[in-house]
Amino acid sequence: AEALGISTIELLSGENVTNTNKSFNMAK
């Protein structure tokens, strides 16, 4: 996971998660 630059949980879940809520709008 470290070599791939993702979390262990992402690796185990089979999903690469990218948070697109960069402005941190809490309504999202």
mmCIF file of all heavy atoms, coordinates in Angstrom:
data_MODEL
# 
_entry.id   MODEL 
# 
loop_
_atom_site.group_PDB 
_atom_site.id 
_atom_site.type_symbol 
_atom_site.label_atom_id 
_atom_site.label_alt_id 
_atom_site.label_comp_id 
_atom_site.label_asym_id 
_atom_site.label_entity_id 
_atom_site.label_seq_id 
_atom_site.pdbx_PDB_ins_code 
_atom_site.Cartn_x 
_atom_site.Cartn_y 
_atom_site.Cartn_z 
_atom_site.occupancy 
_atom_site.B_iso_or_equiv 
_atom_site.pdbx_formal_charge 
_atom_site.auth_seq_id 
_atom_site.auth_comp_id 
_atom_site.auth_asym_id 
_atom_site.auth_atom_id 
_atom_site.pdbx_PDB_model_num 
ATOM 1   N N   . ALA A 1 1  ? 0.838   -1.203 0.000  1.00 0.00 ? 1  ALA A N   1 
ATOM 2   C CA  . ALA A 1 1  ? 0.000   0.000  0.000  1.00 0.00 ? 1  ALA A CA  1 
ATOM 3   C C   . ALA A 1 1  ? 0.872   1.252  0.000  1.00 0.00 ? 1  ALA A C   1 
ATOM 4   O O   . ALA A 1 1  ? 0.612   2.206  -0.740 1.00 0.00 ? 1  ALA A O   1 
ATOM 5   C CB  . ALA A 1 1  ? -0.935  -0.008 1.208  1.00 0.00 ? 1  ALA A CB  1 
ATOM 6   N N   . GLU A 1 2  ? 1.926   1.237  0.822  1.00 0.00 ? 2  GLU A N   1 
ATOM 7   C CA  . GLU A 1 2  ? 2.837   2.380  0.896  1.00 0.00 ? 2  GLU A CA  1 
ATOM 8   C C   . GLU A 1 2  ? 3.540   2.611  -0.438 1.00 0.00 ? 2  GLU A C   1 
ATOM 9   O O   . GLU A 1 2  ? 3.641   3.748  -0.905 1.00 0.00 ? 2  GLU A O   1 
ATOM 10  C CB  . GLU A 1 2  ? 3.866   2.141  2.000  1.00 0.00 ? 2  GLU A CB  1 
ATOM 11  C CG  . GLU A 1 2  ? 4.730   3.348  2.294  1.00 0.00 ? 2  GLU A CG  1 
ATOM 12  C CD  . GLU A 1 2  ? 5.682   3.099  3.453  1.00 0.00 ? 2  GLU A CD  1 
ATOM 13  O OE1 . GLU A 1 2  ? 5.250   2.548  4.482  1.00 0.00 ? 2  GLU A OE1 1 
ATOM 14  O OE2 . GLU A 1 2  ? 6.861   3.479  3.317  1.00 0.00 ? 2  GLU A OE2 1 
ATOM 15  N N   . ALA A 1 3  ? 3.979   1.536  -1.075 1.00 0.00 ? 3  ALA A N   1 
ATOM 16  C CA  . ALA A 1 3  ? 4.663   1.649  -2.366 1.00 0.00 ? 3  ALA A CA  1 
ATOM 17  C C   . ALA A 1 3  ? 3.722   2.196  -3.441 1.00 0.00 ? 3  ALA A C   1 
ATOM 18  O O   . ALA A 1 3  ? 4.147   2.934  -4.332 1.00 0.00 ? 3  ALA A O   1 
ATOM 19  C CB  . ALA A 1 3  ? 5.219   0.293  -2.793 1.00 0.00 ? 3  ALA A CB  1 
ATOM 20  N N   . LEU A 1 4  ? 2.431   1.862  -3.336 1.00 0.00 ? 4  LEU A N   1 
ATOM 21  C CA  . LEU A 1 4  ? 1.449   2.336  -4.312 1.00 0.00 ? 4  LEU A CA  1 
ATOM 22  C C   . LEU A 1 4  ? 0.892   3.715  -3.954 1.00 0.00 ? 4  LEU A C   1 
ATOM 23  O O   . LEU A 1 4  ? 0.158   4.309  -4.734 1.00 0.00 ? 4  LEU A O   1 
ATOM 24  C CB  . LEU A 1 4  ? 0.300   1.325  -4.434 1.00 0.00 ? 4  LEU A CB  1 
ATOM 25  C CG  . LEU A 1 4  ? 0.676   -0.037 -5.028 1.00 0.00 ? 4  LEU A CG  1 
ATOM 26  C CD1 . LEU A 1 4  ? -0.500  -1.008 -4.925 1.00 0.00 ? 4  LEU A CD1 1 
ATOM 27  C CD2 . LEU A 1 4  ? 1.121   0.100  -6.478 1.00 0.00 ? 4  LEU A CD2 1 
ATOM 28  N N   . GLY A 1 5  ? 1.212   4.201  -2.747 1.00 0.00 ? 5  GLY A N   1 
ATOM 29  C CA  . GLY A 1 5  ? 0.763   5.526  -2.336 1.00 0.00 ? 5  GLY A CA  1 
ATOM 30  C C   . GLY A 1 5  ? -0.707  5.590  -1.970 1.00 0.00 ? 5  GLY A C   1 
ATOM 31  O O   . GLY A 1 5  ? -1.354  6.618  -2.144 1.00 0.00 ? 5  GLY A O   1 
ATOM 32  N N   . ILE A 1 6  ? -1.243  4.472  -1.458 1.00 0.00 ? 6  ILE A N   1 
ATOM 33  C CA  . ILE A 1 6  ? -2.637  4.440  -1.013 1.00 0.00 ? 6  ILE A CA  1 
ATOM 34  C C   . ILE A 1 6  ? -2.685  3.863  0.397  1.00 0.00 ? 6  ILE A C   1 
ATOM 35  O O   . ILE A 1 6  ? -1.692  3.333  0.891  1.00 0.00 ? 6  ILE A O   1 
ATOM 36  C CB  . ILE A 1 6  ? -3.539  3.599  -1.963 1.00 0.00 ? 6  ILE A CB  1 
ATOM 37  C CG1 . ILE A 1 6  ? -3.068  2.136  -2.035 1.00 0.00 ? 6  ILE A CG1 1 
ATOM 38  C CG2 . ILE A 1 6  ? -3.592  4.218  -3.348 1.00 0.00 ? 6  ILE A CG2 1 
ATOM 39  C CD1 . ILE A 1 6  ? -3.979  1.232  -2.827 1.00 0.00 ? 6  ILE A CD1 1 
ATOM 40  N N   . SER A 1 7  ? -3.842  3.964  1.033  1.00 0.00 ? 7  SER A N   1 
ATOM 41  C CA  . SER A 1 7  ? -3.973  3.414  2.378  1.00 0.00 ? 7  SER A CA  1 
ATOM 42  C C   . SER A 1 7  ? -4.165  1.901  2.312  1.00 0.00 ? 7  SER A C   1 
ATOM 43  O O   . SER A 1 7  ? -4.613  1.364  1.292  1.00 0.00 ? 7  SER A O   1 
ATOM 44  C CB  . SER A 1 7  ? -5.163  4.049  3.108  1.00 0.00 ? 7  SER A CB  1 
ATOM 45  O OG  . SER A 1 7  ? -6.378  3.597  2.543  1.00 0.00 ? 7  SER A OG  1 
ATOM 46  N N   . THR A 1 8  ? -3.841  1.242  3.395  1.00 0.00 ? 8  THR A N   1 
ATOM 47  C CA  . THR A 1 8  ? -4.039  -0.207 3.474  1.00 0.00 ? 8  THR A CA  1 
ATOM 48  C C   . THR A 1 8  ? -5.509  -0.550 3.293  1.00 0.00 ? 8  THR A C   1 
ATOM 49  O O   . THR A 1 8  ? -5.856  -1.518 2.616  1.00 0.00 ? 8  THR A O   1 
ATOM 50  C CB  . THR A 1 8  ? -3.535  -0.736 4.840  1.00 0.00 ? 8  THR A CB  1 
ATOM 51  O OG1 . THR A 1 8  ? -2.170  -0.334 5.007  1.00 0.00 ? 8  THR A OG1 1 
ATOM 52  C CG2 . THR A 1 8  ? -3.618  -2.242 4.921  1.00 0.00 ? 8  THR A CG2 1 
ATOM 53  N N   . ILE A 1 9  ? -6.380  0.269  3.857  1.00 0.00 ? 9  ILE A N   1 
ATOM 54  C CA  . ILE A 1 9  ? -7.823  0.012  3.738  1.00 0.00 ? 9  ILE A CA  1 
ATOM 55  C C   . ILE A 1 9  ? -8.268  0.117  2.288  1.00 0.00 ? 9  ILE A C   1 
ATOM 56  O O   . ILE A 1 9  ? -9.058  -0.692 1.811  1.00 0.00 ? 9  ILE A O   1 
ATOM 57  C CB  . ILE A 1 9  ? -8.624  0.958  4.649  1.00 0.00 ? 9  ILE A CB  1 
ATOM 58  C CG1 . ILE A 1 9  ? -8.318  0.631  6.118  1.00 0.00 ? 9  ILE A CG1 1 
ATOM 59  C CG2 . ILE A 1 9  ? -10.109 0.865  4.388  1.00 0.00 ? 9  ILE A CG2 1 
ATOM 60  C CD1 . ILE A 1 9  ? -8.906  1.599  7.105  1.00 0.00 ? 9  ILE A CD1 1 
ATOM 61  N N   . GLU A 1 10 ? -7.753  1.113  1.558  1.00 0.00 ? 10 GLU A N   1 
ATOM 62  C CA  . GLU A 1 10 ? -8.093  1.235  0.132  1.00 0.00 ? 10 GLU A CA  1 
ATOM 63  C C   . GLU A 1 10 ? -7.636  -0.002 -0.627 1.00 0.00 ? 10 GLU A C   1 
ATOM 64  O O   . GLU A 1 10 ? -8.371  -0.530 -1.465 1.00 0.00 ? 10 GLU A O   1 
ATOM 65  C CB  . GLU A 1 10 ? -7.434  2.467  -0.473 1.00 0.00 ? 10 GLU A CB  1 
ATOM 66  C CG  . GLU A 1 10 ? -8.093  3.773  -0.120 1.00 0.00 ? 10 GLU A CG  1 
ATOM 67  C CD  . GLU A 1 10 ? -7.345  4.961  -0.687 1.00 0.00 ? 10 GLU A CD  1 
ATOM 68  O OE1 . GLU A 1 10 ? -6.205  5.211  -0.234 1.00 0.00 ? 10 GLU A OE1 1 
ATOM 69  O OE2 . GLU A 1 10 ? -7.893  5.628  -1.567 1.00 0.00 ? 10 GLU A OE2 1 
ATOM 70  N N   . LEU A 1 11 ? -6.433  -0.461 -0.326 1.00 0.00 ? 11 LEU A N   1 
ATOM 71  C CA  . LEU A 1 11 ? -5.901  -1.645 -1.004 1.00 0.00 ? 11 LEU A CA  1 
ATOM 72  C C   . LEU A 1 11 ? -6.769  -2.862 -0.721 1.00 0.00 ? 11 LEU A C   1 
ATOM 73  O O   . LEU A 1 11 ? -7.133  -3.602 -1.631 1.00 0.00 ? 11 LEU A O   1 
ATOM 74  C CB  . LEU A 1 11 ? -4.456  -1.905 -0.553 1.00 0.00 ? 11 LEU A CB  1 
ATOM 75  C CG  . LEU A 1 11 ? -3.760  -3.110 -1.186 1.00 0.00 ? 11 LEU A CG  1 
ATOM 76  C CD1 . LEU A 1 11 ? -3.634  -2.949 -2.697 1.00 0.00 ? 11 LEU A CD1 1 
ATOM 77  C CD2 . LEU A 1 11 ? -2.383  -3.312 -0.561 1.00 0.00 ? 11 LEU A CD2 1 
ATOM 78  N N   . LEU A 1 12 ? -7.152  -3.043 0.539  1.00 0.00 ? 12 LEU A N   1 
ATOM 79  C CA  . LEU A 1 12 ? -7.958  -4.205 0.914  1.00 0.00 ? 12 LEU A CA  1 
ATOM 80  C C   . LEU A 1 12 ? -9.394  -4.103 0.410  1.00 0.00 ? 12 LEU A C   1 
ATOM 81  O O   . LEU A 1 12 ? -10.024 -5.113 0.113  1.00 0.00 ? 12 LEU A O   1 
ATOM 82  C CB  . LEU A 1 12 ? -7.942  -4.399 2.430  1.00 0.00 ? 12 LEU A CB  1 
ATOM 83  C CG  . LEU A 1 12 ? -6.588  -4.781 3.024  1.00 0.00 ? 12 LEU A CG  1 
ATOM 84  C CD1 . LEU A 1 12 ? -6.654  -4.792 4.543  1.00 0.00 ? 12 LEU A CD1 1 
ATOM 85  C CD2 . LEU A 1 12 ? -6.114  -6.126 2.500  1.00 0.00 ? 12 LEU A CD2 1 
ATOM 86  N N   . SER A 1 13 ? -9.923  -2.881 0.314  1.00 0.00 ? 13 SER A N   1 
ATOM 87  C CA  . SER A 1 13 ? -11.309 -2.724 -0.140 1.00 0.00 ? 13 SER A CA  1 
ATOM 88  C C   . SER A 1 13 ? -11.424 -2.828 -1.652 1.00 0.00 ? 13 SER A C   1 
ATOM 89  O O   . SER A 1 13 ? -12.508 -3.048 -2.186 1.00 0.00 ? 13 SER A O   1 
ATOM 90  C CB  . SER A 1 13 ? -11.880 -1.383 0.316  1.00 0.00 ? 13 SER A CB  1 
ATOM 91  O OG  . SER A 1 13 ? -11.312 -0.318 -0.422 1.00 0.00 ? 13 SER A OG  1 
ATOM 92  N N   . GLY A 1 14 ? -10.302 -2.683 -2.348 1.00 0.00 ? 14 GLY A N   1 
ATOM 93  C CA  . GLY A 1 14 ? -10.334 -2.764 -3.807 1.00 0.00 ? 14 GLY A CA  1 
ATOM 94  C C   . GLY A 1 14 ? -10.834 -1.482 -4.455 1.00 0.00 ? 14 GLY A C   1 
ATOM 95  O O   . GLY A 1 14 ? -11.174 -1.463 -5.618 1.00 0.00 ? 14 GLY A O   1 
ATOM 96  N N   . GLU A 1 15 ? -10.879 -0.402 -3.684 1.00 0.00 ? 15 GLU A N   1 
ATOM 97  C CA  . GLU A 1 15 ? -11.345 0.884  -4.212 1.00 0.00 ? 15 GLU A CA  1 
ATOM 98  C C   . GLU A 1 15 ? -10.317 1.956  -3.942 1.00 0.00 ? 15 GLU A C   1 
ATOM 99  O O   . GLU A 1 15 ? -9.872  2.132  -2.822 1.00 0.00 ? 15 GLU A O   1 
ATOM 100 C CB  . GLU A 1 15 ? -12.647 1.307  -3.525 1.00 0.00 ? 15 GLU A CB  1 
ATOM 101 C CG  . GLU A 1 15 ? -13.838 0.460  -3.866 1.00 0.00 ? 15 GLU A CG  1 
ATOM 102 C CD  . GLU A 1 15 ? -15.079 0.968  -3.155 1.00 0.00 ? 15 GLU A CD  1 
ATOM 103 O OE1 . GLU A 1 15 ? -15.257 2.196  -3.062 1.00 0.00 ? 15 GLU A OE1 1 
ATOM 104 O OE2 . GLU A 1 15 ? -15.850 0.132  -2.693 1.00 0.00 ? 15 GLU A OE2 1 
ATOM 105 N N   . ASN A 1 16 ? -9.952  2.658  -4.999 1.00 0.00 ? 16 ASN A N   1 
ATOM 106 C CA  . ASN A 1 16 ? -9.078  3.810  -4.846 1.00 0.00 ? 16 ASN A CA  1 
ATOM 107 C C   . ASN A 1 16 ? -9.982  5.012  -4.644 1.00 0.00 ? 16 ASN A C   1 
ATOM 108 O O   . ASN A 1 16 ? -10.753 5.376  -5.522 1.00 0.00 ? 16 ASN A O   1 
ATOM 109 C CB  . ASN A 1 16 ? -8.205  3.987  -6.089 1.00 0.00 ? 16 ASN A CB  1 
ATOM 110 C CG  . ASN A 1 16 ? -7.213  5.105  -5.946 1.00 0.00 ? 16 ASN A CG  1 
ATOM 111 O OD1 . ASN A 1 16 ? -6.992  5.605  -4.858 1.00 0.00 ? 16 ASN A OD1 1 
ATOM 112 N ND2 . ASN A 1 16 ? -6.620  5.500  -7.050 1.00 0.00 ? 16 ASN A ND2 1 
ATOM 113 N N   . VAL A 1 17 ? -9.941  5.623  -3.482 1.00 0.00 ? 17 VAL A N   1 
ATOM 114 C CA  . VAL A 1 17 ? -10.862 6.703  -3.148 1.00 0.00 ? 17 VAL A CA  1 
ATOM 115 C C   . VAL A 1 17 ? -10.180 8.039  -3.351 1.00 0.00 ? 17 VAL A C   1 
ATOM 116 O O   . VAL A 1 17 ? -9.091  8.276  -2.830 1.00 0.00 ? 17 VAL A O   1 
ATOM 117 C CB  . VAL A 1 17 ? -11.346 6.575  -1.685 1.00 0.00 ? 17 VAL A CB  1 
ATOM 118 C CG1 . VAL A 1 17 ? -12.194 7.757  -1.302 1.00 0.00 ? 17 VAL A CG1 1 
ATOM 119 C CG2 . VAL A 1 17 ? -12.122 5.287  -1.528 1.00 0.00 ? 17 VAL A CG2 1 
ATOM 120 N N   . THR A 1 18 ? -10.812 8.912  -4.132 1.00 0.00 ? 18 THR A N   1 
ATOM 121 C CA  . THR A 1 18 ? -10.329 10.262 -4.332 1.00 0.00 ? 18 THR A CA  1 
ATOM 122 C C   . THR A 1 18 ? -11.412 11.207 -3.859 1.00 0.00 ? 18 THR A C   1 
ATOM 123 O O   . THR A 1 18 ? -12.517 11.214 -4.404 1.00 0.00 ? 18 THR A O   1 
ATOM 124 C CB  . THR A 1 18 ? -10.017 10.525 -5.822 1.00 0.00 ? 18 THR A CB  1 
ATOM 125 O OG1 . THR A 1 18 ? -9.079  9.543  -6.266 1.00 0.00 ? 18 THR A OG1 1 
ATOM 126 C CG2 . THR A 1 18 ? -9.442  11.908 -6.020 1.00 0.00 ? 18 THR A CG2 1 
ATOM 127 N N   . ASN A 1 19 ? -11.101 11.983 -2.854 1.00 0.00 ? 19 ASN A N   1 
ATOM 128 C CA  . ASN A 1 19 ? -12.063 12.931 -2.314 1.00 0.00 ? 19 ASN A CA  1 
ATOM 129 C C   . ASN A 1 19 ? -12.075 14.161 -3.207 1.00 0.00 ? 19 ASN A C   1 
ATOM 130 O O   . ASN A 1 19 ? -11.091 14.876 -3.303 1.00 0.00 ? 19 ASN A O   1 
ATOM 131 C CB  . ASN A 1 19 ? -11.692 13.299 -0.877 1.00 0.00 ? 19 ASN A CB  1 
ATOM 132 C CG  . ASN A 1 19 ? -12.748 14.161 -0.216 1.00 0.00 ? 19 ASN A CG  1 
ATOM 133 O OD1 . ASN A 1 19 ? -13.643 14.674 -0.865 1.00 0.00 ? 19 ASN A OD1 1 
ATOM 134 N ND2 . ASN A 1 19 ? -12.629 14.316 1.083  1.00 0.00 ? 19 ASN A ND2 1 
ATOM 135 N N   . THR A 1 20 ? -13.210 14.401 -3.876 1.00 0.00 ? 20 THR A N   1 
ATOM 136 C CA  . THR A 1 20 ? -13.322 15.548 -4.772 1.00 0.00 ? 20 THR A CA  1 
ATOM 137 C C   . THR A 1 20 ? -13.888 16.778 -4.070 1.00 0.00 ? 20 THR A C   1 
ATOM 138 O O   . THR A 1 20 ? -14.045 17.818 -4.683 1.00 0.00 ? 20 THR A O   1 
ATOM 139 C CB  . THR A 1 20 ? -14.221 15.203 -5.974 1.00 0.00 ? 20 THR A CB  1 
ATOM 140 O OG1 . THR A 1 20 ? -15.496 14.779 -5.474 1.00 0.00 ? 20 THR A OG1 1 
ATOM 141 C CG2 . THR A 1 20 ? -13.613 14.091 -6.818 1.00 0.00 ? 20 THR A CG2 1 
ATOM 142 N N   . ASN A 1 21 ? -14.184 16.666 -2.784 1.00 0.00 ? 21 ASN A N   1 
ATOM 143 C CA  . ASN A 1 21 ? -14.741 17.785 -2.025 1.00 0.00 ? 21 ASN A CA  1 
ATOM 144 C C   . ASN A 1 21 ? -13.592 18.647 -1.488 1.00 0.00 ? 21 ASN A C   1 
ATOM 145 O O   . ASN A 1 21 ? -13.416 18.809 -0.293 1.00 0.00 ? 21 ASN A O   1 
ATOM 146 C CB  . ASN A 1 21 ? -15.624 17.257 -0.882 1.00 0.00 ? 21 ASN A CB  1 
ATOM 147 C CG  . ASN A 1 21 ? -16.404 18.351 -0.198 1.00 0.00 ? 21 ASN A CG  1 
ATOM 148 O OD1 . ASN A 1 21 ? -16.478 19.472 -0.679 1.00 0.00 ? 21 ASN A OD1 1 
ATOM 149 N ND2 . ASN A 1 21 ? -16.985 18.028 0.946  1.00 0.00 ? 21 ASN A ND2 1 
ATOM 150 N N   . LYS A 1 22 ? -12.811 19.211 -2.394 1.00 0.00 ? 22 LYS A N   1 
ATOM 151 C CA  . LYS A 1 22 ? -11.606 19.957 -2.018 1.00 0.00 ? 22 LYS A CA  1 
ATOM 152 C C   . LYS A 1 22 ? -11.910 21.239 -1.244 1.00 0.00 ? 22 LYS A C   1 
ATOM 153 O O   . LYS A 1 22 ? -11.096 21.714 -0.478 1.00 0.00 ? 22 LYS A O   1 
ATOM 154 C CB  . LYS A 1 22 ? -10.773 20.306 -3.256 1.00 0.00 ? 22 LYS A CB  1 
ATOM 155 C CG  . LYS A 1 22 ? -10.324 19.094 -4.039 1.00 0.00 ? 22 LYS A CG  1 
ATOM 156 C CD  . LYS A 1 22 ? -9.342  18.278 -3.284 1.00 0.00 ? 22 LYS A CD  1 
ATOM 157 C CE  . LYS A 1 22 ? -8.829  17.141 -4.153 1.00 0.00 ? 22 LYS A CE  1 
ATOM 158 N NZ  . LYS A 1 22 ? -8.213  16.094 -3.435 1.00 0.00 ? 22 LYS A NZ  1 
ATOM 159 N N   . SER A 1 23 ? -13.098 21.811 -1.441 1.00 0.00 ? 23 SER A N   1 
ATOM 160 C CA  . SER A 1 23 ? -13.425 23.051 -0.731 1.00 0.00 ? 23 SER A CA  1 
ATOM 161 C C   . SER A 1 23 ? -14.012 22.764 0.644  1.00 0.00 ? 23 SER A C   1 
ATOM 162 O O   . SER A 1 23 ? -14.322 23.673 1.382  1.00 0.00 ? 23 SER A O   1 
ATOM 163 C CB  . SER A 1 23 ? -14.414 23.877 -1.554 1.00 0.00 ? 23 SER A CB  1 
ATOM 164 O OG  . SER A 1 23 ? -15.626 23.160 -1.724 1.00 0.00 ? 23 SER A OG  1 
ATOM 165 N N   . PHE A 1 24 ? -14.162 21.499 0.992  1.00 0.00 ? 24 PHE A N   1 
ATOM 166 C CA  . PHE A 1 24 ? -14.654 21.067 2.298  1.00 0.00 ? 24 PHE A CA  1 
ATOM 167 C C   . PHE A 1 24 ? -16.021 21.649 2.629  1.00 0.00 ? 24 PHE A C   1 
ATOM 168 O O   . PHE A 1 24 ? -16.252 22.143 3.706  1.00 0.00 ? 24 PHE A O   1 
ATOM 169 C CB  . PHE A 1 24 ? -13.647 21.381 3.411  1.00 0.00 ? 24 PHE A CB  1 
ATOM 170 C CG  . PHE A 1 24 ? -12.348 20.672 3.212  1.00 0.00 ? 24 PHE A CG  1 
ATOM 171 C CD1 . PHE A 1 24 ? -11.250 21.341 2.723  1.00 0.00 ? 24 PHE A CD1 1 
ATOM 172 C CD2 . PHE A 1 24 ? -12.251 19.322 3.486  1.00 0.00 ? 24 PHE A CD2 1 
ATOM 173 C CE1 . PHE A 1 24 ? -10.049 20.669 2.524  1.00 0.00 ? 24 PHE A CE1 1 
ATOM 174 C CE2 . PHE A 1 24 ? -11.054 18.658 3.290  1.00 0.00 ? 24 PHE A CE2 1 
ATOM 175 C CZ  . PHE A 1 24 ? -9.958  19.325 2.810  1.00 0.00 ? 24 PHE A CZ  1 
ATOM 176 N N   . ASN A 1 25 ? -16.921 21.602 1.657  1.00 0.00 ? 25 ASN A N   1 
ATOM 177 C CA  . ASN A 1 25 ? -18.301 22.004 1.896  1.00 0.00 ? 25 ASN A CA  1 
ATOM 178 C C   . ASN A 1 25 ? -18.952 20.906 2.708  1.00 0.00 ? 25 ASN A C   1 
ATOM 179 O O   . ASN A 1 25 ? -19.158 19.804 2.228  1.00 0.00 ? 25 ASN A O   1 
ATOM 180 C CB  . ASN A 1 25 ? -19.013 22.210 0.559  1.00 0.00 ? 25 ASN A CB  1 
ATOM 181 C CG  . ASN A 1 25 ? -20.435 22.660 0.715  1.00 0.00 ? 25 ASN A CG  1 
ATOM 182 O OD1 . ASN A 1 25 ? -21.051 22.487 1.769  1.00 0.00 ? 25 ASN A OD1 1 
ATOM 183 N ND2 . ASN A 1 25 ? -20.977 23.236 -0.339 1.00 0.00 ? 25 ASN A ND2 1 
ATOM 184 N N   . MET A 1 26 ? -19.266 21.193 3.958  1.00 0.00 ? 26 MET A N   1 
ATOM 185 C CA  . MET A 1 26 ? -19.801 20.165 4.856  1.00 0.00 ? 26 MET A CA  1 
ATOM 186 C C   . MET A 1 26 ? -21.154 19.626 4.391  1.00 0.00 ? 26 MET A C   1 
ATOM 187 O O   . MET A 1 26 ? -21.559 18.538 4.768  1.00 0.00 ? 26 MET A O   1 
ATOM 188 C CB  . MET A 1 26 ? -19.902 20.701 6.284  1.00 0.00 ? 26 MET A CB  1 
ATOM 189 C CG  . MET A 1 26 ? -18.542 21.012 6.907  1.00 0.00 ? 26 MET A CG  1 
ATOM 190 S SD  . MET A 1 26 ? -17.357 19.652 6.814  1.00 0.00 ? 26 MET A SD  1 
ATOM 191 C CE  . MET A 1 26 ? -18.039 18.540 8.005  1.00 0.00 ? 26 MET A CE  1 
ATOM 192 N N   . ALA A 1 27 ? -21.858 20.385 3.552  1.00 0.00 ? 27 ALA A N   1 
ATOM 193 C CA  . ALA A 1 27 ? -23.136 19.899 3.029  1.00 0.00 ? 27 ALA A CA  1 
ATOM 194 C C   . ALA A 1 27 ? -22.926 18.698 2.105  1.00 0.00 ? 27 ALA A C   1 
ATOM 195 O O   . ALA A 1 27 ? -23.855 17.956 1.831  1.00 0.00 ? 27 ALA A O   1 
ATOM 196 C CB  . ALA A 1 27 ? -23.871 21.012 2.291  1.00 0.00 ? 27 ALA A CB  1 
ATOM 197 N N   . LYS A 1 28 ? -21.691 18.491 1.650  1.00 0.00 ? 28 LYS A N   1 
ATOM 198 C CA  . LYS A 1 28 ? -21.374 17.337 0.808  1.00 0.00 ? 28 LYS A CA  1 
ATOM 199 C C   . LYS A 1 28 ? -20.792 16.185 1.626  1.00 0.00 ? 28 LYS A C   1 
ATOM 200 O O   . LYS A 1 28 ? -20.226 15.252 1.090  1.00 0.00 ? 28 LYS A O   1 
ATOM 201 C CB  . LYS A 1 28 ? -20.390 17.736 -0.288 1.00 0.00 ? 28 LYS A CB  1 
ATOM 202 C CG  . LYS A 1 28 ? -20.959 18.744 -1.272 1.00 0.00 ? 28 LYS A CG  1 
ATOM 203 C CD  . LYS A 1 28 ? -19.941 19.100 -2.324 1.00 0.00 ? 28 LYS A CD  1 
ATOM 204 C CE  . LYS A 1 28 ? -20.505 20.133 -3.293 1.00 0.00 ? 28 LYS A CE  1 
ATOM 205 N NZ  . LYS A 1 28 ? -19.517 20.534 -4.291 1.00 0.00 ? 28 LYS A NZ  1 
# 
